[in-house]
PDB file of N, CA and C in Angstrom:
ATOM      1  N   MET A   1      87.767   7.239  -5.118  1.00  0.00           N
ATOM      2  CA  MET A   1      88.345   8.457  -4.622  1.00  0.00           C
ATOM      3  C   MET A   1      87.308   9.570  -4.721  1.00  0.00           C
ATOM      4  N   LEU A   2      87.098  10.285  -3.645  1.00  0.00           N
ATOM      5  CA  LEU A   2      86.079  11.319  -3.598  1.00  0.00           C
ATOM      6  C   LEU A   2      86.319  12.398  -4.646  1.00  0.00           C
ATOM      7  N   ASN A   3      87.552  12.834  -4.824  1.00  0.00           N
ATOM      8  CA  ASN A   3      87.845  13.879  -5.802  1.00  0.00           C
ATOM      9  C   ASN A   3      87.497  13.427  -7.212  1.00  0.00           C
ATOM     10  N   ASP A   4      87.792  12.175  -7.536  1.00  0.00           N
ATOM     11  CA  ASP A   4      87.416  11.649  -8.850  1.00  0.00           C
ATOM     12  C   ASP A   4      85.901  11.669  -9.006  1.00  0.00           C
ATOM     13  N   TRP A   5      85.197  11.219  -7.986  1.00  0.00           N
ATOM     14  CA  TRP A   5      83.741  11.121  -8.065  1.00  0.00           C
ATOM     15  C   TRP A   5      83.114  12.477  -8.331  1.00  0.00           C
ATOM     16  N   MET A   6      83.559  13.499  -7.619  1.00  0.00           N
ATOM     17  CA  MET A   6      82.978  14.836  -7.783  1.00  0.00           C
ATOM     18  C   MET A   6      83.177  15.349  -9.208  1.00  0.00           C
ATOM     19  N   VAL A   7      84.350  15.156  -9.746  1.00  0.00           N
ATOM     20  CA  VAL A   7      84.645  15.633 -11.101  1.00  0.00           C
ATOM     21  C   VAL A   7      83.942  14.770 -12.135  1.00  0.00           C
ATOM     22  N   LEU A   8      84.029  13.468 -11.981  1.00  0.00           N
ATOM     23  CA  LEU A   8      83.493  12.570 -12.998  1.00  0.00           C
ATOM     24  C   LEU A   8      81.970  12.593 -13.076  1.00  0.00           C
ATOM     25  N   THR A   9      81.265  12.838 -11.973  1.00  0.00           N
ATOM     26  CA  THR A   9      79.813  12.941 -12.072  1.00  0.00           C
ATOM     27  C   THR A   9      79.408  14.156 -12.889  1.00  0.00           C
ATOM     28  N   THR A  10      80.171  15.229 -12.794  1.00  0.00           N
ATOM     29  CA  THR A  10      79.895  16.419 -13.609  1.00  0.00           C
ATOM     30  C   THR A  10      80.202  16.155 -15.074  1.00  0.00           C
ATOM     31  N   ILE A  11      81.355  15.580 -15.343  1.00  0.00           N
ATOM     32  CA  ILE A  11      81.776  15.347 -16.725  1.00  0.00           C
ATOM     33  C   ILE A  11      80.909  14.289 -17.402  1.00  0.00           C
ATOM     34  N   ASN A  12      80.544  13.244 -16.686  1.00  0.00           N
ATOM     35  CA  ASN A  12      79.836  12.117 -17.298  1.00  0.00           C
ATOM     36  C   ASN A  12      78.329  12.289 -17.387  1.00  0.00           C
ATOM     37  N   ALA A  13      77.769  13.319 -16.773  1.00  0.00           N
ATOM     38  CA  ALA A  13      76.315  13.488 -16.759  1.00  0.00           C
ATOM     39  C   ALA A  13      75.681  13.409 -18.155  1.00  0.00           C
ATOM     40  N   PRO A  14      76.195  14.108 -19.155  1.00  0.00           N
ATOM     41  CA  PRO A  14      75.540  14.041 -20.463  1.00  0.00           C
ATOM     42  C   PRO A  14      76.135  12.995 -21.420  1.00  0.00           C
ATOM     43  N   ARG A  15      77.083  12.194 -20.958  1.00  0.00           N
ATOM     44  CA  ARG A  15      77.810  11.296 -21.856  1.00  0.00           C
ATOM     45  C   ARG A  15      77.185   9.925 -21.933  1.00  0.00           C
ATOM     46  N   ARG A  16      77.272   9.334 -23.100  1.00  0.00           N
ATOM     47  CA  ARG A  16      76.804   7.962 -23.295  1.00  0.00           C
ATOM     48  C   ARG A  16      77.822   6.970 -22.733  1.00  0.00           C
ATOM     49  N   THR A  17      79.095   7.205 -22.991  1.00  0.00           N
ATOM     50  CA  THR A  17      80.164   6.350 -22.493  1.00  0.00           C
ATOM     51  C   THR A  17      80.915   7.108 -21.407  1.00  0.00           C
ATOM     52  N   ALA A  18      80.947   6.540 -20.220  1.00  0.00           N
ATOM     53  CA  ALA A  18      81.561   7.219 -19.080  1.00  0.00           C
ATOM     54  C   ALA A  18      83.078   7.293 -19.213  1.00  0.00           C
ATOM     55  N   LEU A  19      83.609   8.405 -18.780  1.00  0.00           N
ATOM     56  CA  LEU A  19      85.046   8.626 -18.724  1.00  0.00           C
ATOM     57  C   LEU A  19      85.532   8.235 -17.334  1.00  0.00           C
ATOM     58  N   THR A  20      86.697   7.642 -17.257  1.00  0.00           N
ATOM     59  CA  THR A  20      87.285   7.287 -15.965  1.00  0.00           C
ATOM     60  C   THR A  20      88.247   8.377 -15.516  1.00  0.00           C
ATOM     61  N   GLY A  21      88.627   8.322 -14.260  1.00  0.00           N
ATOM     62  CA  GLY A  21      89.636   9.255 -13.754  1.00  0.00           C
ATOM     63  C   GLY A  21      90.951   9.092 -14.486  1.00  0.00           C
ATOM     64  N   ASP A  22      91.283   7.853 -14.823  1.00  0.00           N
ATOM     65  CA  ASP A  22      92.519   7.609 -15.575  1.00  0.00           C
ATOM     66  C   ASP A  22      92.449   8.253 -16.964  1.00  0.00           C
ATOM     67  N   GLY A  23      91.289   8.209 -17.587  1.00  0.00           N
ATOM     68  CA  GLY A  23      91.124   8.825 -18.901  1.00  0.00           C
ATOM     69  C   GLY A  23      91.268  10.333 -18.841  1.00  0.00           C
ATOM     70  N   LEU A  24      90.675  10.933 -17.814  1.00  0.00           N
ATOM     71  CA  LEU A  24      90.809  12.384 -17.652  1.00  0.00           C
ATOM     72  C   LEU A  24      92.254  12.753 -17.337  1.00  0.00           C
ATOM     73  N   GLU A  25      92.893  11.977 -16.491  1.00  0.00           N
ATOM     74  CA  GLU A  25      94.297  12.239 -16.178  1.00  0.00           C
ATOM     75  C   GLU A  25      95.155  12.172 -17.441  1.00  0.00           C
ATOM     76  N   PHE A  26      94.923  11.172 -18.285  1.00  0.00           N
ATOM     77  CA  PHE A  26      95.668  11.061 -19.536  1.00  0.00           C
ATOM     78  C   PHE A  26      95.473  12.315 -20.390  1.00  0.00           C
ATOM     79  N   SER A  27      94.232  12.774 -20.495  1.00  0.00           N
ATOM     80  CA  SER A  27      93.948  13.958 -21.312  1.00  0.00           C
ATOM     81  C   SER A  27      94.633  15.199 -20.767  1.00  0.00           C
ATOM     82  N   LEU A  28      94.706  15.308 -19.449  1.00  0.00           N
ATOM     83  CA  LEU A  28      95.365  16.470 -18.850  1.00  0.00           C
ATOM     84  C   LEU A  28      96.880  16.425 -19.032  1.00  0.00           C
ATOM     85  N   ARG A  29      97.443  15.240 -18.961  1.00  0.00           N
ATOM     86  CA  ARG A  29      98.899  15.105 -19.051  1.00  0.00           C
ATOM     87  C   ARG A  29      99.411  15.060 -20.495  1.00  0.00           C
ATOM     88  N   ASN A  30      98.543  14.779 -21.434  1.00  0.00           N
ATOM     89  CA  ASN A  30      98.944  14.626 -22.846  1.00  0.00           C
ATOM     90  C   ASN A  30      98.049  15.470 -23.738  1.00  0.00           C
ATOM     91  N   PRO A  31      98.124  16.784 -23.614  1.00  0.00           N
ATOM     92  CA  PRO A  31      97.190  17.648 -24.335  1.00  0.00           C
ATOM     93  C   PRO A  31      97.465  17.736 -25.838  1.00  0.00           C
ATOM     94  N   SER A  32      96.965  16.761 -26.547  1.00  0.00           N
ATOM     95  CA  SER A  32      97.046  16.766 -28.011  1.00  0.00           C
ATOM     96  C   SER A  32      95.654  16.509 -28.555  1.00  0.00           C
ATOM     97  N   VAL A  33      95.221  17.330 -29.465  1.00  0.00           N
ATOM     98  CA  VAL A  33      93.876  17.205 -30.023  1.00  0.00           C
ATOM     99  C   VAL A  33      93.634  15.815 -30.594  1.00  0.00           C
ATOM    100  N   ASP A  34      94.671  15.165 -31.056  1.00  0.00           N
ATOM    101  CA  ASP A  34      94.516  13.852 -31.678  1.00  0.00           C
ATOM    102  C   ASP A  34      94.340  12.721 -30.681  1.00  0.00           C
ATOM    103  N   THR A  35      94.740  12.903 -29.419  1.00  0.00           N
ATOM    104  CA  THR A  35      94.728  11.786 -28.478  1.00  0.00           C
ATOM    105  C   THR A  35      93.850  11.985 -27.254  1.00  0.00           C
ATOM    106  N   VAL A  36      93.251  13.147 -27.061  1.00  0.00           N
ATOM    107  CA  VAL A  36      92.487  13.382 -25.841  1.00  0.00           C
ATOM    108  C   VAL A  36      91.000  13.520 -26.115  1.00  0.00           C
ATOM    109  N   ASP A  37      90.241  13.411 -25.060  1.00  0.00           N
ATOM    110  CA  ASP A  37      88.797  13.630 -25.107  1.00  0.00           C
ATOM    111  C   ASP A  37      88.576  15.127 -24.866  1.00  0.00           C
ATOM    112  N   THR A  38      88.450  15.878 -25.940  1.00  0.00           N
ATOM    113  CA  THR A  38      88.349  17.331 -25.813  1.00  0.00           C
ATOM    114  C   THR A  38      87.082  17.759 -25.074  1.00  0.00           C
ATOM    115  N   MET A  39      86.005  17.030 -25.247  1.00  0.00           N
ATOM    116  CA  MET A  39      84.768  17.383 -24.546  1.00  0.00           C
ATOM    117  C   MET A  39      84.914  17.169 -23.040  1.00  0.00           C
ATOM    118  N   ALA A  40      85.642  16.143 -22.643  1.00  0.00           N
ATOM    119  CA  ALA A  40      85.879  15.910 -21.217  1.00  0.00           C
ATOM    120  C   ALA A  40      86.711  17.042 -20.629  1.00  0.00           C
ATOM    121  N   LEU A  41      87.733  17.460 -21.354  1.00  0.00           N
ATOM    122  CA  LEU A  41      88.550  18.577 -20.872  1.00  0.00           C
ATOM    123  C   LEU A  41      87.726  19.851 -20.784  1.00  0.00           C
ATOM    124  N   GLN A  42      86.887  20.075 -21.763  1.00  0.00           N
ATOM    125  CA  GLN A  42      86.045  21.269 -21.730  1.00  0.00           C
ATOM    126  C   GLN A  42      85.131  21.219 -20.507  1.00  0.00           C
ATOM    127  N   ALA A  43      84.505  20.088 -20.244  1.00  0.00           N
ATOM    128  CA  ALA A  43      83.629  19.969 -19.074  1.00  0.00           C
ATOM    129  C   ALA A  43      84.416  20.150 -17.779  1.00  0.00           C
ATOM    130  N   PHE A  44      85.616  19.589 -17.721  1.00  0.00           N
ATOM    131  CA  PHE A  44      86.439  19.715 -16.520  1.00  0.00           C
ATOM    132  C   PHE A  44      86.743  21.176 -16.228  1.00  0.00           C
ATOM    133  N   PHE A  45      87.188  21.916 -17.234  1.00  0.00           N
ATOM    134  CA  PHE A  45      87.595  23.296 -17.017  1.00  0.00           C
ATOM    135  C   PHE A  45      86.422  24.270 -16.950  1.00  0.00           C
ATOM    136  N   TYR A  46      85.325  23.961 -17.608  1.00  0.00           N
ATOM    137  CA  TYR A  46      84.195  24.890 -17.693  1.00  0.00           C
ATOM    138  C   TYR A  46      83.127  24.610 -16.637  1.00  0.00           C
ATOM    139  N   GLU A  47      82.830  23.345 -16.388  1.00  0.00           N
ATOM    140  CA  GLU A  47      81.702  22.999 -15.534  1.00  0.00           C
ATOM    141  C   GLU A  47      82.070  22.647 -14.093  1.00  0.00           C
ATOM    142  N   CYS A  48      83.265  22.160 -13.863  1.00  0.00           N
ATOM    143  CA  CYS A  48      83.671  21.790 -12.499  1.00  0.00           C
ATOM    144  C   CYS A  48      84.170  23.024 -11.760  1.00  0.00           C
ATOM    145  N   ASP A  49      83.811  23.133 -10.485  1.00  0.00           N
ATOM    146  CA  ASP A  49      84.283  24.297  -9.735  1.00  0.00           C
ATOM    147  C   ASP A  49      85.761  24.139  -9.390  1.00  0.00           C
ATOM    148  N   LEU A  50      86.362  25.228  -8.969  1.00  0.00           N
ATOM    149  CA  LEU A  50      87.796  25.260  -8.716  1.00  0.00           C
ATOM    150  C   LEU A  50      88.206  24.241  -7.652  1.00  0.00           C
ATOM    151  N   GLY A  51      87.418  24.100  -6.613  1.00  0.00           N
ATOM    152  CA  GLY A  51      87.751  23.146  -5.561  1.00  0.00           C
ATOM    153  C   GLY A  51      87.800  21.719  -6.073  1.00  0.00           C
ATOM    154  N   ALA A  52      86.827  21.349  -6.902  1.00  0.00           N
ATOM    155  CA  ALA A  52      86.816  20.001  -7.476  1.00  0.00           C
ATOM    156  C   ALA A  52      88.005  19.808  -8.411  1.00  0.00           C
ATOM    157  N   GLN A  53      88.310  20.816  -9.210  1.00  0.00           N
ATOM    158  CA  GLN A  53      89.451  20.724 -10.118  1.00  0.00           C
ATOM    159  C   GLN A  53      90.749  20.535  -9.332  1.00  0.00           C
ATOM    160  N   LEU A  54      90.973  21.386  -8.341  1.00  0.00           N
ATOM    161  CA  LEU A  54      92.206  21.306  -7.564  1.00  0.00           C
ATOM    162  C   LEU A  54      92.279  20.001  -6.777  1.00  0.00           C
ATOM    163  N   GLY A  55      91.153  19.519  -6.266  1.00  0.00           N
ATOM    164  CA  GLY A  55      91.138  18.247  -5.557  1.00  0.00           C
ATOM    165  C   GLY A  55      91.508  17.088  -6.465  1.00  0.00           C
ATOM    166  N   PHE A  56      90.977  17.094  -7.689  1.00  0.00           N
ATOM    167  CA  PHE A  56      91.317  16.052  -8.649  1.00  0.00           C
ATOM    168  C   PHE A  56      92.800  16.106  -8.990  1.00  0.00           C
ATOM    169  N   LEU A  57      93.289  17.291  -9.270  1.00  0.00           N
ATOM    170  CA  LEU A  57      94.703  17.444  -9.629  1.00  0.00           C
ATOM    171  C   LEU A  57      95.607  16.994  -8.486  1.00  0.00           C
ATOM    172  N   GLN A  58      95.286  17.404  -7.282  1.00  0.00           N
ATOM    173  CA  GLN A  58      96.105  17.026  -6.126  1.00  0.00           C
ATOM    174  C   GLN A  58      96.041  15.517  -5.896  1.00  0.00           C
ATOM    175  N   GLY A  59      94.851  14.940  -5.984  1.00  0.00           N
ATOM    176  CA  GLY A  59      94.689  13.512  -5.769  1.00  0.00           C
ATOM    177  C   GLY A  59      95.436  12.662  -6.782  1.00  0.00           C
ATOM    178  N   ARG A  60      95.629  13.203  -7.965  1.00  0.00           N
ATOM    179  CA  ARG A  60      96.324  12.492  -9.038  1.00  0.00           C
ATOM    180  C   ARG A  60      97.766  12.969  -9.208  1.00  0.00           C
ATOM    181  N   ASN A  61      98.221  13.847  -8.342  1.00  0.00           N
ATOM    182  CA  ASN A  61      99.584  14.397  -8.422  1.00  0.00           C
ATOM    183  C   ASN A  61      99.875  15.033  -9.779  1.00  0.00           C
ATOM    184  N   ILE A  62      98.917  15.802 -10.244  1.00  0.00           N
ATOM    185  CA  ILE A  62      99.075  16.524 -11.501  1.00  0.00           C
ATOM    186  C   ILE A  62      99.347  17.991 -11.151  1.00  0.00           C
ATOM    187  N   PRO A  63     100.508  18.505 -11.517  1.00  0.00           N
ATOM    188  CA  PRO A  63     100.784  19.922 -11.243  1.00  0.00           C
ATOM    189  C   PRO A  63      99.767  20.828 -11.942  1.00  0.00           C
ATOM    190  N   VAL A  64      99.374  21.893 -11.271  1.00  0.00           N
ATOM    191  CA  VAL A  64      98.405  22.826 -11.846  1.00  0.00           C
ATOM    192  C   VAL A  64      98.923  23.378 -13.170  1.00  0.00           C
ATOM    193  N   GLU A  65     100.222  23.563 -13.271  1.00  0.00           N
ATOM    194  CA  GLU A  65     100.800  24.076 -14.520  1.00  0.00           C
ATOM    195  C   GLU A  65     100.544  23.126 -15.694  1.00  0.00           C
ATOM    196  N   VAL A  66     100.522  21.834 -15.419  1.00  0.00           N
ATOM    197  CA  VAL A  66     100.217  20.844 -16.467  1.00  0.00           C
ATOM    198  C   VAL A  66      98.765  21.010 -16.909  1.00  0.00           C
ATOM    199  N   ALA A  67      97.866  21.191 -15.954  1.00  0.00           N
ATOM    200  CA  ALA A  67      96.460  21.395 -16.293  1.00  0.00           C
ATOM    201  C   ALA A  67      96.264  22.694 -17.068  1.00  0.00           C
ATOM    202  N   LEU A  68      96.964  23.739 -16.658  1.00  0.00           N
ATOM    203  CA  LEU A  68      96.863  25.013 -17.380  1.00  0.00           C
ATOM    204  C   LEU A  68      97.356  24.878 -18.818  1.00  0.00           C
ATOM    205  N   SER A  69      98.364  24.057 -19.027  1.00  0.00           N
ATOM    206  CA  SER A  69      98.855  23.821 -20.379  1.00  0.00           C
ATOM    207  C   SER A  69      97.773  23.157 -21.235  1.00  0.00           C
ATOM    208  N   ALA A  70      97.083  22.174 -20.657  1.00  0.00           N
ATOM    209  CA  ALA A  70      95.989  21.516 -21.386  1.00  0.00           C
ATOM    210  C   ALA A  70      94.857  22.500 -21.647  1.00  0.00           C
ATOM    211  N   LEU A  71      94.545  23.322 -20.660  1.00  0.00           N
ATOM    212  CA  LEU A  71      93.512  24.340 -20.831  1.00  0.00           C
ATOM    213  C   LEU A  71      93.872  25.277 -21.975  1.00  0.00           C
ATOM    214  N   ASP A  72      95.098  25.769 -21.969  1.00  0.00           N
ATOM    215  CA  ASP A  72      95.524  26.735 -22.981  1.00  0.00           C
ATOM    216  C   ASP A  72      95.588  26.147 -24.382  1.00  0.00           C
ATOM    217  N   SER A  73      96.025  24.902 -24.498  1.00  0.00           N
ATOM    218  CA  SER A  73      96.217  24.329 -25.830  1.00  0.00           C
ATOM    219  C   SER A  73      94.967  23.670 -26.412  1.00  0.00           C
ATOM    220  N   ILE A  74      94.086  23.142 -25.571  1.00  0.00           N
ATOM    221  CA  ILE A  74      92.936  22.388 -26.081  1.00  0.00           C
ATOM    222  C   ILE A  74      91.616  23.140 -25.916  1.00  0.00           C
ATOM    223  N   VAL A  75      91.365  23.707 -24.754  1.00  0.00           N
ATOM    224  CA  VAL A  75      90.039  24.246 -24.447  1.00  0.00           C
ATOM    225  C   VAL A  75      89.922  25.744 -24.735  1.00  0.00           C
ATOM    226  N   ARG A  76      90.867  26.514 -24.267  1.00  0.00           N
ATOM    227  CA  ARG A  76      90.759  27.974 -24.367  1.00  0.00           C
ATOM    228  C   ARG A  76      90.536  28.487 -25.798  1.00  0.00           C
ATOM    229  N   PRO A  77      91.170  27.892 -26.825  1.00  0.00           N
ATOM    230  CA  PRO A  77      90.953  28.413 -28.185  1.00  0.00           C
ATOM    231  C   PRO A  77      89.493  28.379 -28.652  1.00  0.00           C
ATOM    232  N   GLY A  78      88.660  27.543 -28.048  1.00  0.00           N
ATOM    233  CA  GLY A  78      87.253  27.456 -28.443  1.00  0.00           C
ATOM    234  C   GLY A  78      86.341  28.424 -27.719  1.00  0.00           C
ATOM    235  N   PHE A  79      86.877  29.237 -26.841  1.00  0.00           N
ATOM    236  CA  PHE A  79      86.092  30.194 -26.069  1.00  0.00           C
ATOM    237  C   PHE A  79      86.452  31.613 -26.483  1.00  0.00           C
ATOM    238  N   PRO A  80      85.565  32.566 -26.199  1.00  0.00           N
ATOM    239  CA  PRO A  80      85.862  33.955 -26.557  1.00  0.00           C
ATOM    240  C   PRO A  80      87.150  34.448 -25.890  1.00  0.00           C
ATOM    241  N   LYS A  81      87.866  35.289 -26.601  1.00  0.00           N
ATOM    242  CA  LYS A  81      89.108  35.853 -26.070  1.00  0.00           C
ATOM    243  C   LYS A  81      88.820  36.560 -24.738  1.00  0.00           C
ATOM    244  N   GLY A  82      89.667  36.288 -23.759  1.00  0.00           N
ATOM    245  CA  GLY A  82      89.509  36.904 -22.455  1.00  0.00           C
ATOM    246  C   GLY A  82      88.605  36.148 -21.500  1.00  0.00           C
ATOM    247  N   TYR A  83      87.977  35.049 -21.955  1.00  0.00           N
ATOM    248  CA  TYR A  83      87.109  34.276 -21.058  1.00  0.00           C
ATOM    249  C   TYR A  83      87.947  33.727 -19.908  1.00  0.00           C
ATOM    250  N   ARG A  84      87.427  33.841 -18.684  1.00  0.00           N
ATOM    251  CA  ARG A  84      88.145  33.370 -17.497  1.00  0.00           C
ATOM    252  C   ARG A  84      87.525  32.080 -16.992  1.00  0.00           C
ATOM    253  N   PHE A  85      88.343  31.059 -16.889  1.00  0.00           N
ATOM    254  CA  PHE A  85      87.946  29.767 -16.345  1.00  0.00           C
ATOM    255  C   PHE A  85      88.229  29.754 -14.852  1.00  0.00           C
ATOM    256  N   PRO A  86      87.581  28.872 -14.086  1.00  0.00           N
ATOM    257  CA  PRO A  86      87.854  28.809 -12.647  1.00  0.00           C
ATOM    258  C   PRO A  86      89.342  28.651 -12.331  1.00  0.00           C
ATOM    259  N   LEU A  87      90.059  27.843 -13.107  1.00  0.00           N
ATOM    260  CA  LEU A  87      91.474  27.615 -12.825  1.00  0.00           C
ATOM    261  C   LEU A  87      92.319  28.864 -13.053  1.00  0.00           C
ATOM    262  N   ASP A  88      91.823  29.807 -13.830  1.00  0.00           N
ATOM    263  CA  ASP A  88      92.538  31.071 -14.012  1.00  0.00           C
ATOM    264  C   ASP A  88      92.657  31.818 -12.682  1.00  0.00           C
ATOM    265  N   SER A  89      91.708  31.636 -11.774  1.00  0.00           N
ATOM    266  CA  SER A  89      91.767  32.275 -10.462  1.00  0.00           C
ATOM    267  C   SER A  89      92.959  31.772  -9.674  1.00  0.00           C
ATOM    268  N   TRP A  90      93.269  30.491  -9.811  1.00  0.00           N
ATOM    269  CA  TRP A  90      94.425  29.926  -9.123  1.00  0.00           C
ATOM    270  C   TRP A  90      95.711  30.529  -9.688  1.00  0.00           C
ATOM    271  N   SER A  91      95.788  30.595 -11.002  1.00  0.00           N
ATOM    272  CA  SER A  91      97.035  31.059 -11.621  1.00  0.00           C
ATOM    273  C   SER A  91      97.266  32.554 -11.375  1.00  0.00           C
ATOM    274  N   ALA A  92      96.218  33.288 -11.068  1.00  0.00           N
ATOM    275  CA  ALA A  92      96.371  34.716 -10.792  1.00  0.00           C
ATOM    276  C   ALA A  92      96.822  34.990  -9.367  1.00  0.00           C
ATOM    277  N   ALA A  93      96.648  33.993  -8.491  1.00  0.00           N
ATOM    278  CA  ALA A  93      96.991  34.188  -7.074  1.00  0.00           C
ATOM    279  C   ALA A  93      98.488  34.161  -6.833  1.00  0.00           C
TER     280      ALA A  93
END
């Protein structure tokens, strides 16, 4: 799937063990620090552009609100207060 490829090449570039689209989908749908790949989520929200993020979410039938929940609970706490991620642009529209 093209959307998976665009996202996964960005996320997997510095990784020793590659993450699959299914693994990223699991992390987005089950945002718990104990069960997800937090570095993959950070790369997804920080390094992937909005178009790639939305394409992945749409291709996997993941509601944007589910992704925002994962962003808020797992990734956002590690960034400075007020930092804006690409997906924040979608939620502001």
